[in-house]
N, C-alpha and C. Protein backbone atom coordinates (compact mmCIF):
# COMPACT_ATOMS: atom_id res chain seq x y z
N UNK A 1 -111.09 31.84 8.02
CA UNK A 1 -111.75 32.64 9.13
C UNK A 1 -110.58 33.77 9.56
N UNK A 2 -111.29 34.81 9.77
CA UNK A 2 -110.67 35.93 10.23
C UNK A 2 -110.81 36.27 11.81
N UNK A 3 -109.46 36.15 12.24
CA UNK A 3 -109.59 36.30 13.62
C UNK A 3 -109.61 38.08 14.03
N UNK A 4 -110.46 38.24 14.81
CA UNK A 4 -110.86 39.74 15.20
C UNK A 4 -110.08 39.88 16.35
N UNK A 5 -109.74 41.27 16.64
CA UNK A 5 -108.93 41.57 17.59
C UNK A 5 -109.65 41.65 18.88
N UNK A 6 -109.11 41.01 20.11
CA UNK A 6 -109.69 40.56 21.33
C UNK A 6 -110.37 39.62 21.45
N UNK A 7 -110.39 38.76 20.34
CA UNK A 7 -111.36 37.60 20.46
C UNK A 7 -110.11 36.27 20.71
N UNK A 8 -110.52 35.17 21.18
CA UNK A 8 -109.60 34.21 21.35
C UNK A 8 -110.50 33.02 21.50
N UNK A 9 -110.04 32.04 20.71
CA UNK A 9 -110.76 30.58 20.50
C UNK A 9 -110.26 30.01 21.78
N UNK A 10 -111.54 29.49 22.51
CA UNK A 10 -111.30 28.89 24.13
C UNK A 10 -111.46 27.35 23.78
N UNK A 11 -111.83 26.99 22.54
CA UNK A 11 -111.86 25.30 22.40
C UNK A 11 -110.53 25.02 22.64
N UNK A 12 -110.21 23.58 23.21
CA UNK A 12 -109.20 22.67 23.57
C UNK A 12 -108.86 22.20 22.11
N UNK A 13 -110.15 21.79 21.25
CA UNK A 13 -109.82 20.89 20.11
C UNK A 13 -110.38 21.68 18.79
N UNK A 14 -109.58 21.72 17.56
CA UNK A 14 -110.21 22.38 16.47
C UNK A 14 -111.45 21.52 16.05
N UNK A 15 -112.61 22.39 15.70
CA UNK A 15 -113.88 21.88 15.15
C UNK A 15 -113.62 21.73 13.69
N UNK A 16 -114.44 20.81 13.17
CA UNK A 16 -114.61 20.43 11.52
C UNK A 16 -115.79 20.56 11.15
N UNK A 17 -116.11 21.48 10.18
CA UNK A 17 -117.55 21.68 9.59
C UNK A 17 -118.14 20.24 9.17
N UNK A 18 -119.07 19.82 9.49
CA UNK A 18 -119.57 18.52 9.18
C UNK A 18 -121.30 18.48 9.55
N UNK A 19 -121.85 18.17 8.54
CA UNK A 19 -123.39 18.29 8.76
C UNK A 19 -123.87 16.56 8.76
N UNK A 20 -123.99 16.04 10.00
CA UNK A 20 -124.24 14.57 10.08
C UNK A 20 -125.65 14.52 11.06
N UNK A 21 -126.45 13.63 10.67
CA UNK A 21 -127.68 13.31 11.20
C UNK A 21 -127.31 12.66 12.55
N UNK A 22 -128.06 13.08 13.79
CA UNK A 22 -127.37 12.37 15.03
C UNK A 22 -129.06 12.21 15.67
N UNK A 23 -129.22 11.15 16.65
CA UNK A 23 -130.10 11.12 17.51
C UNK A 23 -129.82 11.44 18.68
N UNK A 24 -130.66 11.68 19.74
CA UNK A 24 -130.16 12.13 20.99
C UNK A 24 -131.32 11.92 22.03
N UNK A 25 -130.86 11.83 23.50
CA UNK A 25 -132.02 11.75 24.43
C UNK A 25 -131.66 12.69 25.48
N UNK A 26 -132.50 13.49 26.00
CA UNK A 26 -132.16 14.45 27.09
C UNK A 26 -132.15 13.54 28.43
N UNK A 27 -131.34 13.80 29.37
CA UNK A 27 -130.98 12.94 30.42
C UNK A 27 -131.73 13.64 31.33
N UNK A 28 -132.59 12.88 32.13
CA UNK A 28 -133.44 13.52 33.57
C UNK A 28 -132.31 14.02 34.52
N UNK A 29 -132.92 15.04 35.45
CA UNK A 29 -131.67 15.41 36.27
C UNK A 29 -131.32 14.30 37.31
N UNK A 30 -130.11 14.59 37.58
CA UNK A 30 -129.55 13.32 38.30
C UNK A 30 -129.25 12.09 37.60
N UNK A 31 -129.72 11.62 36.53
CA UNK A 31 -129.61 10.48 35.65
C UNK A 31 -128.10 10.39 35.22
N UNK A 32 -127.34 11.63 35.20
CA UNK A 32 -125.89 11.50 34.59
C UNK A 32 -124.74 11.05 35.66
N UNK A 33 -125.36 11.06 37.07
CA UNK A 33 -124.52 10.44 37.89
C UNK A 33 -123.88 9.21 38.13
N UNK A 34 -124.66 8.23 37.51
CA UNK A 34 -124.07 7.11 37.57
C UNK A 34 -123.80 6.47 36.17
N UNK A 35 -124.19 7.28 34.92
CA UNK A 35 -123.99 6.93 33.49
C UNK A 35 -122.82 6.55 33.32
N UNK A 36 -121.67 6.95 33.84
CA UNK A 36 -120.38 6.67 33.28
C UNK A 36 -119.94 5.34 33.74
N UNK A 37 -120.56 4.74 34.68
CA UNK A 37 -120.30 3.21 35.20
C UNK A 37 -121.20 2.54 34.10
N UNK A 38 -122.07 2.75 33.47
CA UNK A 38 -122.74 2.05 32.80
C UNK A 38 -121.84 1.15 31.53
N UNK A 39 -122.03 -0.29 31.26
CA UNK A 39 -121.28 -0.87 30.23
C UNK A 39 -121.05 -0.01 28.96
N UNK A 40 -121.89 0.88 28.63
CA UNK A 40 -121.59 1.50 27.27
C UNK A 40 -120.58 2.56 27.34
N UNK A 41 -120.10 2.69 28.61
CA UNK A 41 -119.09 3.68 28.48
C UNK A 41 -117.74 3.26 29.11
N UNK A 42 -117.99 2.13 29.77
CA UNK A 42 -116.65 1.40 30.42
C UNK A 42 -116.12 0.21 29.80
N UNK A 43 -116.61 -0.81 29.72
CA UNK A 43 -115.85 -1.95 29.08
C UNK A 43 -116.71 -2.51 27.70
N UNK A 44 -117.73 -1.91 27.54
CA UNK A 44 -118.50 -2.52 26.39
C UNK A 44 -117.66 -2.11 25.17
N UNK A 45 -117.78 -3.10 24.08
CA UNK A 45 -117.46 -2.81 22.76
C UNK A 45 -118.41 -1.98 22.22
N UNK A 46 -118.18 -1.20 21.03
CA UNK A 46 -118.98 -0.38 20.29
C UNK A 46 -119.78 -1.23 19.58
N UNK A 47 -119.56 -2.50 19.18
CA UNK A 47 -120.72 -3.20 18.35
C UNK A 47 -122.03 -3.90 19.39
N UNK A 48 -121.78 -4.00 20.67
CA UNK A 48 -122.79 -4.05 21.88
C UNK A 48 -123.59 -2.94 21.99
N UNK A 49 -123.22 -1.75 21.86
CA UNK A 49 -123.98 -0.55 22.07
C UNK A 49 -125.48 -0.42 21.94
N UNK A 50 -125.88 -1.04 20.65
CA UNK A 50 -127.07 -0.87 20.34
C UNK A 50 -128.17 -1.70 21.32
N UNK A 51 -127.65 -2.89 21.37
CA UNK A 51 -128.35 -3.78 22.22
C UNK A 51 -128.62 -3.59 23.75
N UNK A 52 -127.95 -2.58 24.17
CA UNK A 52 -127.84 -1.96 25.63
C UNK A 52 -129.03 -0.73 25.64
N UNK A 53 -129.34 -0.42 24.62
CA UNK A 53 -130.43 0.93 24.82
C UNK A 53 -131.43 0.43 25.48
N UNK A 54 -131.73 1.63 26.26
CA UNK A 54 -133.10 1.44 27.00
C UNK A 54 -134.42 1.96 26.36
N UNK A 55 -135.36 1.95 26.85
CA UNK A 55 -136.61 2.23 26.12
C UNK A 55 -136.87 3.87 26.44
N UNK A 56 -136.44 4.83 25.65
CA UNK A 56 -136.74 6.58 26.11
C UNK A 56 -136.81 7.04 24.77
N UNK A 57 -137.38 8.50 24.94
CA UNK A 57 -137.90 9.36 23.75
C UNK A 57 -136.57 9.60 23.03
N UNK A 58 -136.36 9.38 21.57
CA UNK A 58 -135.15 9.84 21.13
C UNK A 58 -135.61 11.05 19.95
N UNK A 59 -134.74 11.97 20.21
CA UNK A 59 -135.03 13.13 19.23
C UNK A 59 -133.78 13.29 18.14
N UNK A 60 -134.17 13.88 17.02
CA UNK A 60 -133.17 14.12 16.12
C UNK A 60 -132.60 15.36 15.63
N UNK A 61 -131.47 15.46 15.43
CA UNK A 61 -130.90 16.72 15.00
C UNK A 61 -129.73 16.53 13.96
N UNK A 62 -129.23 17.70 13.63
CA UNK A 62 -128.00 17.77 12.79
C UNK A 62 -126.57 18.45 13.45
N UNK A 63 -125.61 18.11 13.04
CA UNK A 63 -124.38 18.70 13.79
C UNK A 63 -124.22 19.58 12.58
N UNK A 64 -123.36 20.83 12.99
CA UNK A 64 -122.81 21.89 12.27
C UNK A 64 -121.70 21.70 12.10
N UNK A 65 -120.60 21.38 13.25
CA UNK A 65 -119.36 21.07 13.25
C UNK A 65 -118.97 20.29 14.55
N UNK A 66 -117.92 19.50 14.49
CA UNK A 66 -117.72 18.51 15.56
C UNK A 66 -116.10 18.59 15.79
N UNK A 67 -116.08 18.19 17.01
CA UNK A 67 -114.38 17.82 17.29
C UNK A 67 -114.30 16.82 18.50
N UNK A 68 -113.20 16.47 18.75
CA UNK A 68 -113.00 15.73 20.17
C UNK A 68 -113.32 16.07 21.16
N UNK A 69 -113.76 17.46 21.12
CA UNK A 69 -114.20 17.97 22.66
C UNK A 69 -115.65 18.37 22.52
N UNK A 70 -116.29 18.25 21.68
CA UNK A 70 -117.80 18.93 21.48
C UNK A 70 -118.16 19.02 19.96
N UNK A 71 -119.43 19.84 19.78
CA UNK A 71 -120.35 19.91 18.55
C UNK A 71 -121.20 20.64 18.77
N UNK A 72 -121.39 21.35 17.63
CA UNK A 72 -122.87 22.35 17.66
C UNK A 72 -123.77 21.36 16.90
N UNK A 73 -125.15 21.44 17.51
CA UNK A 73 -126.31 20.77 16.72
C UNK A 73 -127.40 21.57 16.78
N UNK A 74 -128.36 21.48 15.87
CA UNK A 74 -129.49 21.90 15.53
C UNK A 74 -130.62 21.16 15.47
N UNK A 75 -131.67 21.40 15.98
CA UNK A 75 -132.83 20.33 16.18
C UNK A 75 -134.24 21.22 16.61
N UNK A 76 -135.29 20.40 16.53
CA UNK A 76 -136.64 20.90 16.77
C UNK A 76 -137.02 20.96 18.57
N UNK A 77 -136.10 20.47 19.15
CA UNK A 77 -136.45 20.10 20.69
C UNK A 77 -135.58 21.25 21.47
N UNK A 78 -136.28 21.90 22.11
CA UNK A 78 -135.19 22.96 23.07
C UNK A 78 -133.93 22.22 23.99
N UNK A 79 -132.99 22.98 24.26
CA UNK A 79 -132.02 22.51 24.80
C UNK A 79 -131.58 23.38 26.30
N UNK A 80 -131.28 22.94 27.31
CA UNK A 80 -131.18 23.45 28.27
C UNK A 80 -129.70 23.47 28.75
N UNK A 81 -129.29 24.63 29.00
CA UNK A 81 -127.55 24.98 29.39
C UNK A 81 -127.33 24.17 30.84
N UNK A 82 -126.49 23.34 30.58
CA UNK A 82 -126.14 22.82 31.88
C UNK A 82 -126.80 21.14 31.81
N UNK A 83 -127.85 21.00 30.80
CA UNK A 83 -128.24 19.66 30.87
C UNK A 83 -127.59 18.76 30.25
N UNK A 84 -127.70 17.39 30.50
CA UNK A 84 -126.97 16.48 29.91
C UNK A 84 -127.59 15.62 28.99
N UNK A 85 -126.76 15.44 27.63
CA UNK A 85 -127.54 14.71 26.67
C UNK A 85 -126.78 13.55 25.98
N UNK A 86 -127.45 12.33 26.22
CA UNK A 86 -126.74 11.08 25.31
C UNK A 86 -126.80 11.30 23.96
N UNK A 87 -125.88 11.26 23.07
CA UNK A 87 -125.78 11.41 21.70
C UNK A 87 -125.45 10.34 20.94
N UNK A 88 -126.26 9.97 19.79
CA UNK A 88 -125.91 8.80 19.13
C UNK A 88 -125.81 9.06 17.73
N UNK A 89 -124.50 8.83 17.06
CA UNK A 89 -123.76 9.42 16.19
C UNK A 89 -123.55 8.40 15.13
N UNK A 90 -123.81 8.36 13.81
CA UNK A 90 -123.36 7.50 12.87
C UNK A 90 -122.66 8.12 11.91
N UNK A 91 -121.41 7.63 11.87
CA UNK A 91 -120.33 8.22 11.10
C UNK A 91 -120.48 7.39 9.62
N UNK A 92 -120.10 8.40 8.69
CA UNK A 92 -120.59 7.67 7.28
C UNK A 92 -119.59 6.47 7.13
N UNK A 93 -118.63 6.10 7.51
CA UNK A 93 -117.74 5.33 7.15
C UNK A 93 -117.67 3.96 7.78
N UNK A 94 -118.77 4.20 8.98
CA UNK A 94 -118.71 2.99 9.91
C UNK A 94 -119.86 2.61 10.02
N UNK A 95 -120.03 1.11 10.43
CA UNK A 95 -121.47 0.49 10.54
C UNK A 95 -122.02 0.49 11.86
N UNK A 96 -121.05 0.92 12.69
CA UNK A 96 -121.62 1.17 14.27
C UNK A 96 -121.96 2.54 14.74
N UNK A 97 -122.76 2.59 15.58
CA UNK A 97 -123.19 4.00 16.16
C UNK A 97 -122.53 4.40 17.18
N UNK A 98 -122.01 5.48 17.19
CA UNK A 98 -121.27 6.05 18.44
C UNK A 98 -122.13 6.62 19.21
N UNK A 99 -121.82 6.65 20.79
CA UNK A 99 -122.76 6.96 21.78
C UNK A 99 -121.80 7.96 22.79
N UNK A 100 -122.30 9.16 22.73
CA UNK A 100 -121.35 10.14 23.48
C UNK A 100 -122.08 10.67 24.52
N UNK A 101 -121.71 10.86 25.71
CA UNK A 101 -122.33 11.40 26.78
C UNK A 101 -121.94 13.03 26.77
N UNK A 102 -122.64 14.14 26.90
CA UNK A 102 -122.31 15.36 26.49
C UNK A 102 -123.23 16.14 27.54
N UNK A 103 -122.72 17.59 27.70
CA UNK A 103 -123.21 18.40 28.57
C UNK A 103 -123.47 19.70 27.53
N UNK A 104 -124.68 20.42 27.71
CA UNK A 104 -125.17 21.40 27.06
C UNK A 104 -124.28 22.76 27.67
N UNK A 105 -123.46 23.42 26.95
CA UNK A 105 -122.72 24.65 27.31
C UNK A 105 -123.41 25.92 27.06
N UNK A 106 -124.09 25.94 25.59
CA UNK A 106 -124.69 27.02 25.30
C UNK A 106 -125.82 26.49 24.60
N UNK A 107 -127.09 27.12 24.91
CA UNK A 107 -128.37 27.11 24.08
C UNK A 107 -129.04 28.25 23.50
N UNK A 108 -129.49 27.85 22.30
CA UNK A 108 -130.22 29.34 21.88
C UNK A 108 -131.54 28.65 21.01
N UNK A 109 -132.21 29.79 20.24
CA UNK A 109 -133.05 29.28 19.12
C UNK A 109 -132.95 30.32 18.20
N UNK A 110 -133.58 30.03 16.72
CA UNK A 110 -133.57 30.82 15.85
C UNK A 110 -134.70 30.57 14.94
N UNK A 111 -135.16 31.18 14.00
CA UNK A 111 -136.36 30.80 13.09
C UNK A 111 -135.98 30.60 11.76
N UNK A 112 -136.46 29.48 11.42
CA UNK A 112 -135.89 28.79 10.01
C UNK A 112 -137.17 28.26 9.38
N UNK A 113 -137.32 28.63 8.03
CA UNK A 113 -138.42 27.83 7.02
C UNK A 113 -139.72 27.69 8.07
N UNK A 114 -140.02 29.10 8.70
CA UNK A 114 -141.35 29.05 9.26
C UNK A 114 -141.40 28.31 10.55
N UNK A 115 -140.60 27.80 11.20
CA UNK A 115 -140.67 27.41 12.54
C UNK A 115 -139.35 27.70 13.29
N UNK A 116 -139.67 27.68 14.70
CA UNK A 116 -138.53 27.77 15.58
C UNK A 116 -137.71 26.57 15.78
N UNK A 117 -136.28 26.70 15.64
CA UNK A 117 -135.43 25.48 15.71
C UNK A 117 -134.37 25.96 16.70
N UNK A 118 -134.02 25.08 17.35
CA UNK A 118 -133.09 25.11 18.67
C UNK A 118 -131.72 24.81 18.25
N UNK A 119 -130.50 25.41 18.75
CA UNK A 119 -129.17 24.98 18.80
C UNK A 119 -128.48 25.09 20.12
N UNK A 120 -127.44 23.96 20.04
CA UNK A 120 -126.83 23.87 21.42
C UNK A 120 -125.38 23.93 20.86
N UNK A 121 -124.47 24.28 21.84
CA UNK A 121 -122.82 23.94 21.63
C UNK A 121 -122.87 22.94 23.11
N UNK A 122 -122.32 21.39 22.64
CA UNK A 122 -122.27 20.70 23.71
C UNK A 122 -120.67 19.97 23.80
N UNK A 123 -120.51 19.88 24.82
CA UNK A 123 -118.88 19.40 25.23
C UNK A 123 -118.91 18.14 25.41
N UNK A 124 -118.22 17.16 24.87
CA UNK A 124 -118.21 15.79 25.20
C UNK A 124 -117.64 15.39 26.47
N UNK A 125 -118.23 14.45 27.40
CA UNK A 125 -117.71 14.13 28.61
C UNK A 125 -117.23 12.65 28.80
N UNK A 126 -117.85 11.89 27.82
CA UNK A 126 -117.18 10.43 27.66
C UNK A 126 -117.81 9.77 26.49
N UNK A 127 -117.09 8.95 25.97
CA UNK A 127 -117.36 7.93 24.64
C UNK A 127 -116.66 6.60 25.14
N UNK A 128 -116.93 5.55 24.33
CA UNK A 128 -116.28 4.45 24.34
C UNK A 128 -114.86 4.48 23.83
N UNK A 129 -114.01 3.88 24.24
CA UNK A 129 -112.77 3.67 23.94
C UNK A 129 -112.47 3.69 22.37
N UNK A 130 -113.12 2.64 21.71
CA UNK A 130 -113.30 2.41 20.43
C UNK A 130 -113.75 3.30 19.54
N UNK A 131 -114.62 3.99 20.30
CA UNK A 131 -115.30 5.20 19.51
C UNK A 131 -114.42 6.43 19.41
N UNK A 132 -113.50 6.68 20.35
CA UNK A 132 -112.52 7.56 20.19
C UNK A 132 -111.72 7.58 18.89
N UNK A 133 -111.17 6.34 18.67
CA UNK A 133 -110.42 6.18 17.58
C UNK A 133 -111.21 6.34 16.19
N UNK A 134 -112.38 5.87 16.36
CA UNK A 134 -113.25 6.06 15.01
C UNK A 134 -113.38 7.51 14.68
N UNK A 135 -113.86 8.44 15.89
CA UNK A 135 -113.89 9.81 15.67
C UNK A 135 -112.79 10.38 15.39
N UNK A 136 -111.61 10.24 16.02
CA UNK A 136 -110.67 10.82 15.44
C UNK A 136 -110.30 10.57 14.02
N UNK A 137 -110.34 9.20 13.73
CA UNK A 137 -110.12 9.00 12.21
C UNK A 137 -111.11 9.81 11.32
N UNK A 138 -112.34 9.98 11.57
CA UNK A 138 -113.58 10.58 10.82
C UNK A 138 -112.81 12.05 10.70
N UNK A 139 -112.59 12.80 11.98
CA UNK A 139 -112.13 14.18 11.95
C UNK A 139 -111.12 14.44 11.15
N UNK A 140 -109.81 13.52 11.23
CA UNK A 140 -108.59 13.60 10.25
C UNK A 140 -109.01 13.81 8.86
N UNK A 141 -109.68 12.55 8.45
CA UNK A 141 -110.44 12.44 7.23
C UNK A 141 -111.12 13.58 6.67
N UNK A 142 -111.80 14.18 7.39
CA UNK A 142 -112.96 15.37 7.00
C UNK A 142 -111.90 16.71 7.08
N UNK A 143 -110.86 16.82 7.67
CA UNK A 143 -109.86 18.10 7.68
C UNK A 143 -109.02 17.94 6.37
N UNK A 144 -108.67 16.69 6.12
CA UNK A 144 -107.95 16.56 5.17
C UNK A 144 -108.76 16.93 3.82
N UNK A 145 -109.94 16.20 3.62
CA UNK A 145 -110.72 16.60 2.62
C UNK A 145 -111.41 18.14 2.40
N UNK A 146 -111.69 18.59 3.35
CA UNK A 146 -112.11 20.13 3.47
C UNK A 146 -110.98 20.68 2.86
N UNK A 147 -109.47 20.71 3.69
CA UNK A 147 -108.43 21.17 3.17
C UNK A 147 -108.06 21.15 1.50
N UNK A 148 -108.29 20.33 0.93
CA UNK A 148 -107.99 20.06 -0.62
C UNK A 148 -109.22 20.73 -1.34
N UNK A 149 -110.31 20.97 -0.88
CA UNK A 149 -111.61 21.87 -1.69
C UNK A 149 -111.13 23.03 -1.58
N UNK A 150 -110.18 23.95 -0.79
CA UNK A 150 -110.26 25.16 -0.57
C UNK A 150 -109.44 25.75 -1.87
């Protein structure tokens, strides 16, 4: 990547290019206020998370890049800047699904293969402690793999 004069990377964590399938749900306004107290973010183990899920509409998207601080995602449903999104991420080498609470920092749309698609840059707000370690290991492995392919 070429760094342009006057441009500065504002992200705290380096992002790794990764195309991963995710599921997500858009949180209702005000719903995020008590969500950090839910067991899936506080004391629950990652293996228990699927059993705690509520009945809600889930959408699907793909990541373009990911880091410990956030990710870029693209899907068929519009995102709203400032909106909160609960993301369900299945990393290739793990049997458990990671659940991440995030906020949309940037949202846009683009036209691809005859339809309007939507993208968002999301900032991670919370995830289960065990999922932090899983995500860190995945990112390190991807960074090493991508570094050897250059």
